[in-house]
Each structure stands twice: as C-alpha cells, then as structure tokens.
Amino acid sequence: RARTAWTALATAVLLLSLLPVFAE
C-alpha cells in the first residue's frame, strides 16, 4: 500500500515542517 503510506507520510512531513516556522 505504497500510495496510502506515502500520502500519510507526506501529510505528516508537511505538518511537521510547519512547526519550526512558528518557533522562529
């Protein structure tokens, strides 16, 4: 289930990438 796993991973990476924006 690469498509499902990758979509979940990509969404998590996007959300986590936003955290440092608010720490600056």
PDB file of all heavy atoms in Angstrom:
ATOM      1  N   ARG A   1       0.841  -1.204   0.000  1.00  0.00           N
ATOM      2  CA  ARG A   1       0.000   0.000   0.000  1.00  0.00           C
ATOM      3  C   ARG A   1       0.878   1.257   0.000  1.00  0.00           C
ATOM      4  O   ARG A   1       0.740   2.125   0.857  1.00  0.00           O
ATOM      5  CB  ARG A   1      -0.923   0.000   1.205  1.00  0.00           C
ATOM      6  CG  ARG A   1      -1.869  -1.174   1.199  1.00  0.00           C
ATOM      7  CD  ARG A   1      -2.860  -1.053   2.339  1.00  0.00           C
ATOM      8  NE  ARG A   1      -3.706  -2.207   2.430  1.00  0.00           N
ATOM      9  CZ  ARG A   1      -4.856  -2.329   1.777  1.00  0.00           C
ATOM     10  NH1 ARG A   1      -5.246  -1.380   0.981  1.00  0.00           N
ATOM     11  NH2 ARG A   1      -5.590  -3.405   1.933  1.00  0.00           N
ATOM     12  N   ALA A   2       1.733   1.338  -0.978  1.00  0.00           N
ATOM     13  CA  ALA A   2       2.685   2.450  -1.053  1.00  0.00           C
ATOM     14  C   ALA A   2       1.968   3.793  -1.178  1.00  0.00           C
ATOM     15  O   ALA A   2       2.368   4.776  -0.554  1.00  0.00           O
ATOM     16  CB  ALA A   2       3.638   2.248  -2.227  1.00  0.00           C
ATOM     17  N   ARG A   3       0.928   3.850  -1.975  1.00  0.00           N
ATOM     18  CA  ARG A   3       0.215   5.117  -2.180  1.00  0.00           C
ATOM     19  C   ARG A   3      -0.353   5.649  -0.874  1.00  0.00           C
ATOM     20  O   ARG A   3      -0.176   6.819  -0.533  1.00  0.00           O
ATOM     21  CB  ARG A   3      -0.904   4.928  -3.198  1.00  0.00           C
ATOM     22  CG  ARG A   3      -1.692   6.198  -3.454  1.00  0.00           C
ATOM     23  CD  ARG A   3      -2.801   5.975  -4.425  1.00  0.00           C
ATOM     24  NE  ARG A   3      -2.224   5.439  -5.648  1.00  0.00           N
ATOM     25  CZ  ARG A   3      -2.898   5.250  -6.755  1.00  0.00           C
ATOM     26  NH1 ARG A   3      -4.171   5.550  -6.815  1.00  0.00           N
ATOM     27  NH2 ARG A   3      -2.317   4.744  -7.813  1.00  0.00           N
ATOM     28  N   THR A   4      -1.017   4.786  -0.130  1.00  0.00           N
ATOM     29  CA  THR A   4      -1.616   5.204   1.142  1.00  0.00           C
ATOM     30  C   THR A   4      -0.537   5.585   2.148  1.00  0.00           C
ATOM     31  O   THR A   4      -0.643   6.629   2.804  1.00  0.00           O
ATOM     32  CB  THR A   4      -2.486   4.068   1.708  1.00  0.00           C
ATOM     33  OG1 THR A   4      -3.476   3.734   0.731  1.00  0.00           O
ATOM     34  CG2 THR A   4      -3.152   4.461   3.000  1.00  0.00           C
ATOM     35  N   ALA A   5       0.482   4.754   2.256  1.00  0.00           N
ATOM     36  CA  ALA A   5       1.565   5.037   3.215  1.00  0.00           C
ATOM     37  C   ALA A   5       2.292   6.319   2.848  1.00  0.00           C
ATOM     38  O   ALA A   5       2.591   7.143   3.720  1.00  0.00           O
ATOM     39  CB  ALA A   5       2.543   3.860   3.257  1.00  0.00           C
ATOM     40  N   TRP A   6       2.571   6.512   1.564  1.00  0.00           N
ATOM     41  CA  TRP A   6       3.299   7.701   1.146  1.00  0.00           C
ATOM     42  C   TRP A   6       2.466   8.962   1.354  1.00  0.00           C
ATOM     43  O   TRP A   6       2.984   9.993   1.798  1.00  0.00           O
ATOM     44  CB  TRP A   6       3.725   7.601  -0.323  1.00  0.00           C
ATOM     45  CG  TRP A   6       4.588   8.753  -0.701  1.00  0.00           C
ATOM     46  CD1 TRP A   6       5.926   8.877  -0.509  1.00  0.00           C
ATOM     47  CD2 TRP A   6       4.158   9.967  -1.299  1.00  0.00           C
ATOM     48  NE1 TRP A   6       6.352  10.102  -0.959  1.00  0.00           N
ATOM     49  CE2 TRP A   6       5.284  10.787  -1.451  1.00  0.00           C
ATOM     50  CE3 TRP A   6       2.923  10.437  -1.727  1.00  0.00           C
ATOM     51  CZ2 TRP A   6       5.227  12.054  -2.011  1.00  0.00           C
ATOM     52  CZ3 TRP A   6       2.855  11.705  -2.280  1.00  0.00           C
ATOM     53  CH2 TRP A   6       3.994  12.496  -2.423  1.00  0.00           C
ATOM     54  N   THR A   7       1.185   8.889   1.080  1.00  0.00           N
ATOM     55  CA  THR A   7       0.316  10.054   1.284  1.00  0.00           C
ATOM     56  C   THR A   7       0.269  10.436   2.758  1.00  0.00           C
ATOM     57  O   THR A   7       0.358  11.620   3.105  1.00  0.00           O
ATOM     58  CB  THR A   7      -1.101   9.775   0.753  1.00  0.00           C
ATOM     59  OG1 THR A   7      -0.994   9.426  -0.629  1.00  0.00           O
ATOM     60  CG2 THR A   7      -1.999  10.979   0.903  1.00  0.00           C
ATOM     61  N   ALA A   8       0.159   9.448   3.624  1.00  0.00           N
ATOM     62  CA  ALA A   8       0.158   9.720   5.064  1.00  0.00           C
ATOM     63  C   ALA A   8       1.500  10.310   5.494  1.00  0.00           C
ATOM     64  O   ALA A   8       1.547  11.277   6.265  1.00  0.00           O
ATOM     65  CB  ALA A   8      -0.142   8.442   5.843  1.00  0.00           C
ATOM     66  N   LEU A   9       2.576   9.741   4.990  1.00  0.00           N
ATOM     67  CA  LEU A   9       3.912  10.244   5.319  1.00  0.00           C
ATOM     68  C   LEU A   9       4.102  11.669   4.809  1.00  0.00           C
ATOM     69  O   LEU A   9       4.609  12.537   5.532  1.00  0.00           O
ATOM     70  CB  LEU A   9       4.978   9.320   4.729  1.00  0.00           C
ATOM     71  CG  LEU A   9       6.430   9.707   4.972  1.00  0.00           C
ATOM     72  CD1 LEU A   9       6.747   9.689   6.472  1.00  0.00           C
ATOM     73  CD2 LEU A   9       7.353   8.759   4.222  1.00  0.00           C
ATOM     74  N   ALA A  10       3.697  11.939   3.584  1.00  0.00           N
ATOM     75  CA  ALA A  10       3.843  13.285   3.014  1.00  0.00           C
ATOM     76  C   ALA A  10       3.022  14.307   3.798  1.00  0.00           C
ATOM     77  O   ALA A  10       3.487  15.428   4.047  1.00  0.00           O
ATOM     78  CB  ALA A  10       3.418  13.277   1.548  1.00  0.00           C
ATOM     79  N   THR A  11       1.830  13.924   4.204  1.00  0.00           N
ATOM     80  CA  THR A  11       0.992  14.824   5.002  1.00  0.00           C
ATOM     81  C   THR A  11       1.633  15.101   6.360  1.00  0.00           C
ATOM     82  O   THR A  11       1.659  16.247   6.822  1.00  0.00           O
ATOM     83  CB  THR A  11      -0.412  14.222   5.176  1.00  0.00           C
ATOM     84  OG1 THR A  11      -0.964  13.986   3.877  1.00  0.00           O
ATOM     85  CG2 THR A  11      -1.322  15.139   5.967  1.00  0.00           C
ATOM     86  N   ALA A  12       2.167  14.062   6.983  1.00  0.00           N
ATOM     87  CA  ALA A  12       2.843  14.240   8.276  1.00  0.00           C
ATOM     88  C   ALA A  12       4.075  15.130   8.136  1.00  0.00           C
ATOM     89  O   ALA A  12       4.314  16.007   8.973  1.00  0.00           O
ATOM     90  CB  ALA A  12       3.231  12.877   8.853  1.00  0.00           C
ATOM     91  N   VAL A  13       4.843  14.930   7.075  1.00  0.00           N
ATOM     92  CA  VAL A  13       6.036  15.761   6.858  1.00  0.00           C
ATOM     93  C   VAL A  13       5.627  17.211   6.648  1.00  0.00           C
ATOM     94  O   VAL A  13       6.261  18.124   7.188  1.00  0.00           O
ATOM     95  CB  VAL A  13       6.867  15.229   5.668  1.00  0.00           C
ATOM     96  CG1 VAL A  13       7.920  16.231   5.231  1.00  0.00           C
ATOM     97  CG2 VAL A  13       7.521  13.906   6.041  1.00  0.00           C
ATOM     98  N   LEU A  14       4.573  17.448   5.882  1.00  0.00           N
ATOM     99  CA  LEU A  14       4.099  18.825   5.691  1.00  0.00           C
ATOM    100  C   LEU A  14       3.726  19.455   7.024  1.00  0.00           C
ATOM    101  O   LEU A  14       4.166  20.567   7.341  1.00  0.00           O
ATOM    102  CB  LEU A  14       2.902  18.861   4.744  1.00  0.00           C
ATOM    103  CG  LEU A  14       2.178  20.226   4.667  1.00  0.00           C
ATOM    104  CD1 LEU A  14       3.109  21.302   4.117  1.00  0.00           C
ATOM    105  CD2 LEU A  14       0.915  20.111   3.847  1.00  0.00           C
ATOM    106  N   LEU A  15       2.939  18.762   7.816  1.00  0.00           N
ATOM    107  CA  LEU A  15       2.502  19.315   9.099  1.00  0.00           C
ATOM    108  C   LEU A  15       3.684  19.555  10.039  1.00  0.00           C
ATOM    109  O   LEU A  15       3.762  20.589  10.703  1.00  0.00           O
ATOM    110  CB  LEU A  15       1.460  18.416   9.744  1.00  0.00           C
ATOM    111  CG  LEU A  15       0.133  18.320   8.973  1.00  0.00           C
ATOM    112  CD1 LEU A  15      -0.786  17.296   9.617  1.00  0.00           C
ATOM    113  CD2 LEU A  15      -0.534  19.673   8.868  1.00  0.00           C
ATOM    114  N   LEU A  16       4.616  18.598  10.072  1.00  0.00           N
ATOM    115  CA  LEU A  16       5.796  18.773  10.929  1.00  0.00           C
ATOM    116  C   LEU A  16       6.709  19.888  10.426  1.00  0.00           C
ATOM    117  O   LEU A  16       7.368  20.554  11.220  1.00  0.00           O
ATOM    118  CB  LEU A  16       6.568  17.460  11.035  1.00  0.00           C
ATOM    119  CG  LEU A  16       5.870  16.364  11.841  1.00  0.00           C
ATOM    120  CD1 LEU A  16       6.634  15.039  11.715  1.00  0.00           C
ATOM    121  CD2 LEU A  16       5.740  16.772  13.304  1.00  0.00           C
ATOM    122  N   SER A  17       6.739  20.105   9.129  1.00  0.00           N
ATOM    123  CA  SER A  17       7.603  21.160   8.583  1.00  0.00           C
ATOM    124  C   SER A  17       7.102  22.553   8.945  1.00  0.00           C
ATOM    125  O   SER A  17       7.866  23.521   8.894  1.00  0.00           O
ATOM    126  CB  SER A  17       7.701  21.033   7.056  1.00  0.00           C
ATOM    127  OG  SER A  17       6.535  21.514   6.418  1.00  0.00           O
ATOM    128  N   LEU A  18       5.859  22.644   9.320  1.00  0.00           N
ATOM    129  CA  LEU A  18       5.303  23.942   9.705  1.00  0.00           C
ATOM    130  C   LEU A  18       5.672  24.336  11.138  1.00  0.00           C
ATOM    131  O   LEU A  18       5.667  25.520  11.470  1.00  0.00           O
ATOM    132  CB  LEU A  18       3.786  23.935   9.539  1.00  0.00           C
ATOM    133  CG  LEU A  18       3.280  23.722   8.114  1.00  0.00           C
ATOM    134  CD1 LEU A  18       1.762  23.632   8.113  1.00  0.00           C
ATOM    135  CD2 LEU A  18       3.774  24.799   7.182  1.00  0.00           C
ATOM    136  N   LEU A  19       5.988  23.369  11.983  1.00  0.00           N
ATOM    137  CA  LEU A  19       6.296  23.665  13.381  1.00  0.00           C
ATOM    138  C   LEU A  19       7.464  24.644  13.549  1.00  0.00           C
ATOM    139  O   LEU A  19       7.338  25.607  14.315  1.00  0.00           O
ATOM    140  CB  LEU A  19       6.539  22.376  14.163  1.00  0.00           C
ATOM    141  CG  LEU A  19       5.326  21.461  14.316  1.00  0.00           C
ATOM    142  CD1 LEU A  19       5.713  20.183  15.054  1.00  0.00           C
ATOM    143  CD2 LEU A  19       4.185  22.175  15.007  1.00  0.00           C
ATOM    144  N   PRO A  20       8.589  24.448  12.871  1.00  0.00           N
ATOM    145  CA  PRO A  20       9.695  25.397  13.052  1.00  0.00           C
ATOM    146  C   PRO A  20       9.362  26.816  12.589  1.00  0.00           C
ATOM    147  O   PRO A  20       9.938  27.782  13.100  1.00  0.00           O
ATOM    148  CB  PRO A  20      10.829  24.817  12.196  1.00  0.00           C
ATOM    149  CG  PRO A  20      10.493  23.402  12.004  1.00  0.00           C
ATOM    150  CD  PRO A  20       9.005  23.307  12.057  1.00  0.00           C
ATOM    151  N   VAL A  21       8.440  26.937  11.669  1.00  0.00           N
ATOM    152  CA  VAL A  21       8.046  28.272  11.200  1.00  0.00           C
ATOM    153  C   VAL A  21       7.535  29.094  12.377  1.00  0.00           C
ATOM    154  O   VAL A  21       7.846  30.282  12.508  1.00  0.00           O
ATOM    155  CB  VAL A  21       6.969  28.165  10.096  1.00  0.00           C
ATOM    156  CG1 VAL A  21       6.385  29.532   9.761  1.00  0.00           C
ATOM    157  CG2 VAL A  21       7.550  27.502   8.859  1.00  0.00           C
ATOM    158  N   PHE A  22       6.777  28.451  13.244  1.00  0.00           N
ATOM    159  CA  PHE A  22       6.196  29.175  14.373  1.00  0.00           C
ATOM    160  C   PHE A  22       7.153  29.294  15.556  1.00  0.00           C
ATOM    161  O   PHE A  22       6.895  30.045  16.485  1.00  0.00           O
ATOM    162  CB  PHE A  22       4.879  28.515  14.778  1.00  0.00           C
ATOM    163  CG  PHE A  22       3.869  28.580  13.668  1.00  0.00           C
ATOM    164  CD1 PHE A  22       3.568  27.457  12.922  1.00  0.00           C
ATOM    165  CD2 PHE A  22       3.263  29.775  13.343  1.00  0.00           C
ATOM    166  CE1 PHE A  22       2.659  27.519  11.883  1.00  0.00           C
ATOM    167  CE2 PHE A  22       2.360  29.857  12.306  1.00  0.00           C
ATOM    168  CZ  PHE A  22       2.052  28.725  11.569  1.00  0.00           C
ATOM    169  N   ALA A  23       8.268  28.590  15.524  1.00  0.00           N
ATOM    170  CA  ALA A  23       9.271  28.687  16.585  1.00  0.00           C
ATOM    171  C   ALA A  23      10.246  29.834  16.338  1.00  0.00           C
ATOM    172  O   ALA A  23      10.977  30.223  17.240  1.00  0.00           O
ATOM    173  CB  ALA A  23      10.038  27.373  16.700  1.00  0.00           C
ATOM    174  N   GLU A  24      10.257  30.354  15.121  1.00  0.00           N
ATOM    175  CA  GLU A  24      11.172  31.438  14.759  1.00  0.00           C
ATOM    176  C   GLU A  24      10.541  32.790  15.051  1.00  0.00           C
ATOM    177  O   GLU A  24       9.325  32.940  15.043  1.00  0.00           O
ATOM    178  CB  GLU A  24      11.506  31.368  13.258  1.00  0.00           C
ATOM    179  CG  GLU A  24      12.181  30.098  12.829  1.00  0.00           C
ATOM    180  CD  GLU A  24      13.633  30.042  13.240  1.00  0.00           C
ATOM    181  OE1 GLU A  24      14.258  31.102  13.439  1.00  0.00           O
ATOM    182  OE2 GLU A  24      14.149  28.924  13.365  1.00  0.00           O
TER     183      GLU A  24
END
